[in-house]
Amino acid sequence: MNIVNRLTAIVVAALLPSVASAQSVNFWLAAVPGNIQGCIAADPQFTREHTFTLKDGEAEITSPGGINTKMKLVKPNVYETDYQLGRLNLHVMADLSVTPRTLTVTEKNLGCKWTAKKE
């Protein structure tokens, strides 16, 4: 094996663990001030820890409150999904392109909103 082939093999072997590793970010959502009564009733579903995970190019958001869904890359380091949770029609966005990183959940019909920043 010549030196170029050996160097290529070493570089590929060094990159494999980083490509396969997962990136997780935990967020604690909080309701924005001014949410209507219907939104406040949904707070127990959202005012808890949510985990954004990126692994092998696949993104997902999970929470003990019932949000467990894949997310789509919409621009560099910004992921979105629409999700139905009971009667709630949700739009979820994780923005890892900003500092601090943010997670936003918006209810499309009522206008409810929950946000979190990862310090």
Protein backbone atom coordinates (compact mmCIF):
# COMPACT_ATOMS: atom_id res chain seq x y z
CA MET A 1 0.00 0.00 0.00
CA ASN A 2 1.50 3.34 -0.95
CA ILE A 3 1.71 6.34 1.37
CA VAL A 4 -1.32 8.13 -0.18
CA ASN A 5 -3.55 5.11 0.34
CA ARG A 6 -2.35 4.74 3.94
CA LEU A 7 -2.97 8.40 4.70
CA THR A 8 -6.43 8.20 3.15
CA ALA A 9 -7.25 5.13 5.27
CA ILE A 10 -6.04 6.91 8.43
CA VAL A 11 -8.10 10.04 7.69
CA VAL A 12 -11.25 8.01 6.98
CA ALA A 13 -10.76 5.97 10.15
CA ALA A 14 -10.30 9.16 12.20
CA LEU A 15 -13.47 10.72 10.81
CA LEU A 16 -15.78 7.74 11.32
CA PRO A 17 -16.34 8.18 15.08
CA SER A 18 -17.23 11.86 14.67
CA VAL A 19 -19.69 11.19 11.86
CA ALA A 20 -21.47 8.48 13.84
CA SER A 21 -21.63 10.40 17.13
CA ALA A 22 -24.86 11.98 18.27
CA GLN A 23 -25.37 15.56 19.34
CA SER A 24 -28.02 16.12 22.02
CA VAL A 25 -29.29 19.41 23.39
CA ASN A 26 -31.70 19.57 26.34
CA PHE A 27 -34.15 22.46 26.62
CA TRP A 28 -36.62 23.44 29.36
CA LEU A 29 -39.62 25.12 27.75
CA ALA A 30 -41.60 27.91 29.42
CA ALA A 31 -44.84 29.55 28.33
CA VAL A 32 -44.55 33.06 26.96
CA PRO A 33 -46.41 35.71 28.96
CA GLY A 34 -49.90 36.40 27.65
CA ASN A 35 -50.81 32.86 26.54
CA ILE A 36 -54.60 32.45 26.66
CA GLN A 37 -56.35 30.11 29.14
CA GLY A 38 -56.46 27.26 26.60
CA CYS A 39 -52.69 27.47 26.31
CA ILE A 40 -52.13 27.52 30.06
CA ALA A 41 -54.07 24.24 30.31
CA ALA A 42 -51.48 22.65 28.00
CA ASP A 43 -48.50 23.86 30.04
CA PRO A 44 -47.88 20.49 31.75
CA GLN A 45 -47.14 19.01 28.31
CA PHE A 46 -44.52 21.64 27.50
CA THR A 47 -42.98 23.10 30.68
CA ARG A 48 -40.56 20.23 31.07
CA GLU A 49 -37.34 19.01 29.51
CA HIS A 50 -37.25 18.41 25.75
CA THR A 51 -34.30 16.72 24.05
CA PHE A 52 -33.17 17.57 20.54
CA THR A 53 -30.94 14.86 19.07
CA LEU A 54 -28.98 14.94 15.83
CA LYS A 55 -27.45 11.63 14.78
CA ASP A 56 -26.26 10.53 11.36
CA GLY A 57 -27.95 13.55 9.77
CA GLU A 58 -31.34 12.68 11.34
CA ALA A 59 -32.89 15.13 13.82
CA GLU A 60 -35.62 14.43 16.36
CA ILE A 61 -37.24 16.04 19.35
CA THR A 62 -38.50 14.00 22.32
CA SER A 63 -40.14 14.83 25.63
CA PRO A 64 -41.93 13.09 28.46
CA GLY A 65 -44.92 15.32 27.62
CA GLY A 66 -45.61 13.44 24.40
CA ILE A 67 -43.65 15.18 21.65
CA ASN A 68 -41.65 12.49 19.87
CA THR A 69 -41.05 13.29 16.24
CA LYS A 70 -38.48 13.63 13.48
CA MET A 71 -37.46 17.12 12.37
CA LYS A 72 -36.44 18.43 8.95
CA LEU A 73 -33.44 20.61 8.21
CA VAL A 74 -34.87 23.86 6.78
CA LYS A 75 -31.63 25.87 6.68
CA PRO A 76 -28.19 25.33 8.18
CA ASN A 77 -28.59 24.28 11.83
CA VAL A 78 -32.34 25.06 11.90
CA TYR A 79 -34.81 22.17 12.19
CA GLU A 80 -38.62 22.23 12.07
CA THR A 81 -41.60 19.92 12.27
CA ASP A 82 -45.38 20.10 12.52
CA TYR A 83 -46.92 17.82 15.10
CA GLN A 84 -50.43 16.97 16.26
CA LEU A 85 -50.76 16.44 20.04
CA GLY A 86 -54.36 15.81 21.00
CA ARG A 87 -56.29 18.85 19.79
CA LEU A 88 -53.12 20.94 19.52
CA ASN A 89 -51.67 21.66 16.07
CA LEU A 90 -48.01 22.38 16.85
CA HIS A 91 -45.07 23.84 14.97
CA VAL A 92 -41.71 23.02 16.59
CA MET A 93 -38.45 24.76 15.67
CA ALA A 94 -34.94 24.11 17.01
CA ASP A 95 -32.43 26.79 16.04
CA LEU A 96 -28.86 25.68 16.69
CA SER A 97 -27.44 28.45 14.48
CA VAL A 98 -27.83 31.11 17.18
CA THR A 99 -26.21 31.58 20.57
CA PRO A 100 -27.85 30.65 22.82
CA ARG A 101 -29.55 27.82 20.93
CA THR A 102 -33.36 27.99 21.01
CA LEU A 103 -36.39 25.74 20.89
CA THR A 104 -39.83 27.16 20.11
CA VAL A 105 -43.21 25.42 20.14
CA THR A 106 -46.15 27.33 18.65
CA GLU A 107 -49.77 26.19 18.56
CA LYS A 108 -51.05 27.19 15.11
CA ASN A 109 -54.75 27.70 15.91
CA LEU A 110 -54.71 29.30 19.38
CA GLY A 111 -51.44 31.22 19.08
CA CYS A 112 -49.94 29.60 22.16
CA LYS A 113 -46.16 29.68 22.41
CA TRP A 114 -43.48 28.08 24.55
CA THR A 115 -39.78 28.88 24.25
CA ALA A 116 -36.47 27.75 25.66
CA LYS A 117 -32.86 28.86 25.39
CA LYS A 118 -29.90 26.58 25.96
CA GLU A 119 -27.26 28.59 27.83
